[in-house]
Amino acid sequence: MIIGHIGVALCAKRAWPRLPIALLLGASFAPDLWREVLAAVGLHWRLTNLYSHALPWSLALALLAGALTWAVRRDRTAGIVVAALVATHVMLDMISGDKPLWAGNTVGLNVEHFQQLELLIESALVLTGWKLVWRVYGSGRSARWALPAMLIAFQAAYLVGTLTQRPYKTRCLAWPMGPCTDTSWLTLKWNTTPFW
């Protein structure tokens, strides 16, 4: 899940307009950002997922991010909102994927195996957040839907690109949400050069 996290940050911006959108976006992507830090110091990718998305590590990250926000901004509400956004990241990832909730245990709905459904869920989240924020901050109708349209196009391109990546070789465009098989559309690209 990518743009779905942006949608949740936009919803938070609507509910707490005095909080900077950069803070809310950073909180909504905190587990992924932390995973990149862990990868940069040389941890294996399975450990980076474990220490960024699994319990109790993700809860510790949420509490730490909330406490830092509270201390820096001297705003208890901001700290609570940031902690909640960090926690929602993992909950949303449990919808889209199959993440390690505990060591040696993966949990999730694996919606990512059905690209159309994942794109639909993420699009709904980003459009909902955008609509809520636009009511307060929007001006001018010409560019009203340009940003969410670009985000959805990015997400669609990303999902098509992941069809060819080996860790996700069971992803496919199966209609109308059937199981991925060797004959599903685009799965034959497994043996070709990755999309990117």
Foldseek 3Di string as FASTA:
>chain_A
DPLLLVLVLLQVCLVVVVDDSVLSSCLLCVLVVQLVVVVVVPDDSLVSLCQRQAPPNLLVSLQVSLVVCCVVVVDNVSSVSSSVSSVVNNVVCQACDWGHNHVPHTHHPNVLLAVVVVLVSSLVSNVNSLVSNCVPPNDDDPCSCVVSVVVSVVSSVVSLQCCQDVVNLQRAHAPPRDGRDCPGPPSVNVPPDGPD
